[in-house]
Amino acid sequence: MHSVAELQPVLPVGVAIVPCHLQDLLEAVEFASADGIFVAHGAFVCRGTGKVYWRIDGEAQLEELPVDLSDTAKYVAIPSRRALGLGRPLALEFAKKYIPGDVDDIRDMFGKKGGFRKFRALLERRSLTDRWHAFEMEALRDALRVWCERQGLAVVE
């Protein structure tokens, strides 16, 4: 697992902060997190404009992509939830806060295949699904704000 701080180096001094819409970033993280088995895809944000671009390898693109999209000085790949540290560690943090008696069982769930499916089933049984989604969304927003700051992007609500 990577911490947000490890994802990219700190922005050099003197580089302008560029605004980027939070909703665009949230959608892009979901897109980047749902990488398919047969088709790779990702989302990128322009360091100069804050515009988000969506790329689907081997498929027709939703819009024409910049020819220099691979230039990391101009564009940065938007990380997945996992790259932001929002997988198993976040679920365990939630469990410690809201269902501390189940932390060991949840830790065991994640040691086996289908861990998140089992975790979500437990949340459903305990009527904690809505609380989990709110907790997860808050953590995602916080992680994106930190990531954006390191990329020279300012989150615009």
C-alpha atoms as a PDB file:
ATOM      1  CA  MET A   1       0.000   0.000   0.000  1.00  0.00           C
ATOM      2  CA  HIS A   2       1.179   3.474  -0.818  1.00  0.00           C
ATOM      3  CA  SER A   3       0.535   6.498   1.291  1.00  0.00           C
ATOM      4  CA  VAL A   4      -0.732   9.598  -0.476  1.00  0.00           C
ATOM      5  CA  ALA A   5       2.633  11.256   0.204  1.00  0.00           C
ATOM      6  CA  GLU A   6       4.445   8.515  -1.717  1.00  0.00           C
ATOM      7  CA  LEU A   7       2.333   8.837  -4.854  1.00  0.00           C
ATOM      8  CA  GLN A   8       4.130  11.853  -6.290  1.00  0.00           C
ATOM      9  CA  PRO A   9       6.898  14.184  -5.213  1.00  0.00           C
ATOM     10  CA  VAL A  10       6.064  17.514  -3.617  1.00  0.00           C
ATOM     11  CA  LEU A  11       5.370  20.227  -6.171  1.00  0.00           C
ATOM     12  CA  PRO A  12       8.419  22.407  -6.900  1.00  0.00           C
ATOM     13  CA  VAL A  13       8.481  25.916  -5.471  1.00  0.00           C
ATOM     14  CA  GLY A  14       7.145  28.564  -7.849  1.00  0.00           C
ATOM     15  CA  VAL A  15       4.723  26.313  -9.758  1.00  0.00           C
ATOM     16  CA  ALA A  16       1.240  27.827 -10.020  1.00  0.00           C
ATOM     17  CA  ILE A  17      -1.713  26.128  -8.323  1.00  0.00           C
ATOM     18  CA  VAL A  18      -4.386  25.131 -10.858  1.00  0.00           C
ATOM     19  CA  PRO A  19      -8.072  24.647  -9.916  1.00  0.00           C
ATOM     20  CA  CYS A  20      -9.704  21.265 -10.515  1.00  0.00           C
ATOM     21  CA  HIS A  21     -13.343  20.394  -9.771  1.00  0.00           C
ATOM     22  CA  LEU A  22     -13.825  17.885  -6.973  1.00  0.00           C
ATOM     23  CA  GLN A  23     -16.687  16.118  -8.751  1.00  0.00           C
ATOM     24  CA  ASP A  24     -14.501  15.560 -11.829  1.00  0.00           C
ATOM     25  CA  LEU A  25     -11.779  14.106  -9.608  1.00  0.00           C
ATOM     26  CA  LEU A  26     -14.196  11.849  -7.720  1.00  0.00           C
ATOM     27  CA  GLU A  27     -15.528  10.437 -10.988  1.00  0.00           C
ATOM     28  CA  ALA A  28     -12.000  10.009 -12.328  1.00  0.00           C
ATOM     29  CA  VAL A  29     -10.906   8.069  -9.213  1.00  0.00           C
ATOM     30  CA  GLU A  30     -13.873   5.733  -9.643  1.00  0.00           C
ATOM     31  CA  PHE A  31     -12.962   5.265 -13.293  1.00  0.00           C
ATOM     32  CA  ALA A  32      -9.310   4.588 -12.441  1.00  0.00           C
ATOM     33  CA  SER A  33     -10.351   2.192  -9.668  1.00  0.00           C
ATOM     34  CA  ALA A  34     -12.534   0.065 -11.943  1.00  0.00           C
ATOM     35  CA  ASP A  35      -9.754  -1.090 -14.256  1.00  0.00           C
ATOM     36  CA  GLY A  36     -11.188  -3.927 -16.304  1.00  0.00           C
ATOM     37  CA  ILE A  37      -9.780  -7.390 -16.864  1.00  0.00           C
ATOM     38  CA  PHE A  38      -9.591  -7.048 -20.638  1.00  0.00           C
ATOM     39  CA  VAL A  39      -9.340  -3.288 -21.086  1.00  0.00           C
ATOM     40  CA  ALA A  40      -7.004  -0.931 -19.249  1.00  0.00           C
ATOM     41  CA  HIS A  41      -8.154   2.602 -18.667  1.00  0.00           C
ATOM     42  CA  GLY A  42      -7.283   5.627 -16.640  1.00  0.00           C
ATOM     43  CA  ALA A  43      -7.905   9.276 -16.081  1.00  0.00           C
ATOM     44  CA  PHE A  44      -5.442  12.133 -16.267  1.00  0.00           C
ATOM     45  CA  VAL A  45      -5.558  15.741 -15.188  1.00  0.00           C
ATOM     46  CA  CYS A  46      -3.811  18.542 -17.017  1.00  0.00           C
ATOM     47  CA  ARG A  47      -1.392  20.325 -14.702  1.00  0.00           C
ATOM     48  CA  GLY A  48      -1.913  23.557 -16.656  1.00  0.00           C
ATOM     49  CA  THR A  49      -5.710  23.710 -16.852  1.00  0.00           C
ATOM     50  CA  GLY A  50      -7.132  21.208 -14.341  1.00  0.00           C
ATOM     51  CA  LYS A  51      -9.122  19.505 -17.121  1.00  0.00           C
ATOM     52  CA  VAL A  52      -9.656  15.761 -16.673  1.00  0.00           C
ATOM     53  CA  TYR A  53      -9.157  13.379 -19.603  1.00  0.00           C
ATOM     54  CA  TRP A  54     -10.439   9.796 -19.738  1.00  0.00           C
ATOM     55  CA  ARG A  55      -8.526   7.121 -21.622  1.00  0.00           C
ATOM     56  CA  ILE A  56      -9.715   3.629 -22.529  1.00  0.00           C
ATOM     57  CA  ASP A  57      -6.954   1.554 -24.114  1.00  0.00           C
ATOM     58  CA  GLY A  58      -7.975  -0.155 -27.325  1.00  0.00           C
ATOM     59  CA  GLU A  59     -11.360   1.569 -27.468  1.00  0.00           C
ATOM     60  CA  ALA A  60     -12.835   4.638 -29.087  1.00  0.00           C
ATOM     61  CA  GLN A  61     -12.214   7.569 -26.756  1.00  0.00           C
ATOM     62  CA  LEU A  62     -14.974   9.665 -25.236  1.00  0.00           C
ATOM     63  CA  GLU A  63     -13.169  12.743 -26.528  1.00  0.00           C
ATOM     64  CA  GLU A  64      -9.999  13.419 -28.448  1.00  0.00           C
ATOM     65  CA  LEU A  65      -7.018  13.059 -26.159  1.00  0.00           C
ATOM     66  CA  PRO A  66      -4.002  15.352 -26.208  1.00  0.00           C
ATOM     67  CA  VAL A  67      -1.139  13.819 -28.187  1.00  0.00           C
ATOM     68  CA  ASP A  68       1.250  14.545 -25.322  1.00  0.00           C
ATOM     69  CA  LEU A  69      -0.877  12.860 -22.624  1.00  0.00           C
ATOM     70  CA  SER A  70       2.116  10.749 -21.574  1.00  0.00           C
ATOM     71  CA  ASP A  71       4.134  13.886 -20.737  1.00  0.00           C
ATOM     72  CA  THR A  72       4.196  13.775 -16.932  1.00  0.00           C
ATOM     73  CA  ALA A  73       5.266  17.402 -16.768  1.00  0.00           C
ATOM     74  CA  LYS A  74       1.895  18.351 -18.319  1.00  0.00           C
ATOM     75  CA  TYR A  75      -0.455  15.567 -17.183  1.00  0.00           C
ATOM     76  CA  VAL A  76      -0.689  13.397 -14.102  1.00  0.00           C
ATOM     77  CA  ALA A  77      -2.515  10.083 -13.812  1.00  0.00           C
ATOM     78  CA  ILE A  78      -5.324  10.234 -11.285  1.00  0.00           C
ATOM     79  CA  PRO A  79      -4.788   7.493  -8.700  1.00  0.00           C
ATOM     80  CA  SER A  80      -7.155   4.664  -7.878  1.00  0.00           C
ATOM     81  CA  ARG A  81      -8.741   4.234  -4.464  1.00  0.00           C
ATOM     82  CA  ARG A  82      -6.154   1.581  -3.681  1.00  0.00           C
ATOM     83  CA  ALA A  83      -3.276   3.913  -4.594  1.00  0.00           C
ATOM     84  CA  LEU A  84      -4.787   6.508  -2.258  1.00  0.00           C
ATOM     85  CA  GLY A  85      -4.762   3.968   0.588  1.00  0.00           C
ATOM     86  CA  LEU A  86      -8.547   3.628   0.673  1.00  0.00           C
ATOM     87  CA  GLY A  87      -8.895  -0.141   0.538  1.00  0.00           C
ATOM     88  CA  ARG A  88      -8.423  -2.540   3.414  1.00  0.00           C
ATOM     89  CA  PRO A  89      -6.782   0.010   5.754  1.00  0.00           C
ATOM     90  CA  LEU A  90      -9.818   2.287   5.521  1.00  0.00           C
ATOM     91  CA  ALA A  91     -12.213  -0.588   6.196  1.00  0.00           C
ATOM     92  CA  LEU A  92     -10.207  -1.522   9.284  1.00  0.00           C
ATOM     93  CA  GLU A  93     -10.175   2.102  10.441  1.00  0.00           C
ATOM     94  CA  PHE A  94     -13.965   2.188  10.063  1.00  0.00           C
ATOM     95  CA  ALA A  95     -14.310  -1.071  11.990  1.00  0.00           C
ATOM     96  CA  LYS A  96     -12.131   0.204  14.852  1.00  0.00           C
ATOM     97  CA  LYS A  97     -14.323   3.284  15.124  1.00  0.00           C
ATOM     98  CA  TYR A  98     -17.820   1.820  14.651  1.00  0.00           C
ATOM     99  CA  ILE A  99     -17.666  -1.941  15.296  1.00  0.00           C
ATOM    100  CA  PRO A 100     -14.561  -2.560  17.391  1.00  0.00           C
ATOM    101  CA  GLY A 101     -15.756  -5.983  18.461  1.00  0.00           C
ATOM    102  CA  ASP A 102     -15.555  -7.166  14.843  1.00  0.00           C
ATOM    103  CA  VAL A 103     -12.074  -5.869  13.957  1.00  0.00           C
ATOM    104  CA  ASP A 104     -10.386  -9.277  14.179  1.00  0.00           C
ATOM    105  CA  ASP A 105     -13.107 -10.929  12.065  1.00  0.00           C
ATOM    106  CA  ILE A 106     -12.868  -8.154   9.481  1.00  0.00           C
ATOM    107  CA  ARG A 107      -9.082  -8.441   9.379  1.00  0.00           C
ATOM    108  CA  ASP A 108      -9.548 -12.172   8.723  1.00  0.00           C
ATOM    109  CA  MET A 109     -12.069 -11.420   5.958  1.00  0.00           C
ATOM    110  CA  PHE A 110      -9.475  -9.399   4.090  1.00  0.00           C
ATOM    111  CA  GLY A 111      -6.977 -12.217   4.332  1.00  0.00           C
ATOM    112  CA  LYS A 112      -9.156 -14.316   2.028  1.00  0.00           C
ATOM    113  CA  LYS A 113     -10.693 -13.941  -1.388  1.00  0.00           C
ATOM    114  CA  GLY A 114     -13.880 -11.857  -1.406  1.00  0.00           C
ATOM    115  CA  GLY A 115     -12.909  -9.802   1.620  1.00  0.00           C
ATOM    116  CA  PHE A 116     -14.719  -6.648   0.554  1.00  0.00           C
ATOM    117  CA  ARG A 117     -17.823  -8.591  -0.432  1.00  0.00           C
ATOM    118  CA  LYS A 118     -17.899 -10.146   3.046  1.00  0.00           C
ATOM    119  CA  PHE A 119     -17.203  -6.781   4.669  1.00  0.00           C
ATOM    120  CA  ARG A 120     -20.101  -5.175   2.790  1.00  0.00           C
ATOM    121  CA  ALA A 121     -22.384  -8.059   3.798  1.00  0.00           C
ATOM    122  CA  LEU A 122     -21.432  -7.515   7.449  1.00  0.00           C
ATOM    123  CA  LEU A 123     -22.159  -3.803   7.127  1.00  0.00           C
ATOM    124  CA  GLU A 124     -25.555  -4.603   5.632  1.00  0.00           C
ATOM    125  CA  ARG A 125     -26.385  -6.983   8.488  1.00  0.00           C
ATOM    126  CA  ARG A 126     -25.386  -4.308  11.023  1.00  0.00           C
ATOM    127  CA  SER A 127     -27.254  -1.531   9.161  1.00  0.00           C
ATOM    128  CA  LEU A 128     -23.985   0.371   8.727  1.00  0.00           C
ATOM    129  CA  THR A 129     -23.865   0.629   4.936  1.00  0.00           C
ATOM    130  CA  ASP A 130     -24.849   4.297   4.809  1.00  0.00           C
ATOM    131  CA  ARG A 131     -22.395   5.183   7.563  1.00  0.00           C
ATOM    132  CA  TRP A 132     -19.628   3.310   5.690  1.00  0.00           C
ATOM    133  CA  HIS A 133     -20.373   5.157   2.446  1.00  0.00           C
ATOM    134  CA  ALA A 134     -20.238   8.523   4.225  1.00  0.00           C
ATOM    135  CA  PHE A 135     -16.995   7.554   5.993  1.00  0.00           C
ATOM    136  CA  GLU A 136     -15.466   6.307   2.748  1.00  0.00           C
ATOM    137  CA  MET A 137     -16.490   9.435   0.818  1.00  0.00           C
ATOM    138  CA  GLU A 138     -15.035  11.730   3.466  1.00  0.00           C
ATOM    139  CA  ALA A 139     -11.759   9.786   3.381  1.00  0.00           C
ATOM    140  CA  LEU A 140     -11.707   9.926  -0.431  1.00  0.00           C
ATOM    141  CA  ARG A 141     -12.278  13.680  -0.452  1.00  0.00           C
ATOM    142  CA  ASP A 142      -9.533  14.203   2.136  1.00  0.00           C
ATOM    143  CA  ALA A 143      -7.088  11.981   0.227  1.00  0.00           C
ATOM    144  CA  LEU A 144      -7.846  13.800  -3.024  1.00  0.00           C
ATOM    145  CA  ARG A 145      -7.250  17.187  -1.417  1.00  0.00           C
ATOM    146  CA  VAL A 146      -3.820  16.063  -0.193  1.00  0.00           C
ATOM    147  CA  TRP A 147      -2.995  14.477  -3.549  1.00  0.00           C
ATOM    148  CA  CYS A 148      -4.102  17.604  -5.429  1.00  0.00           C
ATOM    149  CA  GLU A 149      -2.022  19.873  -3.245  1.00  0.00           C
ATOM    150  CA  ARG A 150       1.038  17.777  -4.040  1.00  0.00           C
ATOM    151  CA  GLN A 151       0.215  18.012  -7.753  1.00  0.00           C
ATOM    152  CA  GLY A 152      -0.273  21.780  -7.830  1.00  0.00           C
ATOM    153  CA  LEU A 153      -4.037  21.478  -8.129  1.00  0.00           C
ATOM    154  CA  ALA A 154      -6.560  23.275  -5.955  1.00  0.00           C
ATOM    155  CA  VAL A 155      -9.801  21.427  -5.300  1.00  0.00           C
ATOM    156  CA  VAL A 156     -12.864  23.452  -6.256  1.00  0.00           C
ATOM    157  CA  GLU A 157     -16.094  22.171  -4.670  1.00  0.00           C
END
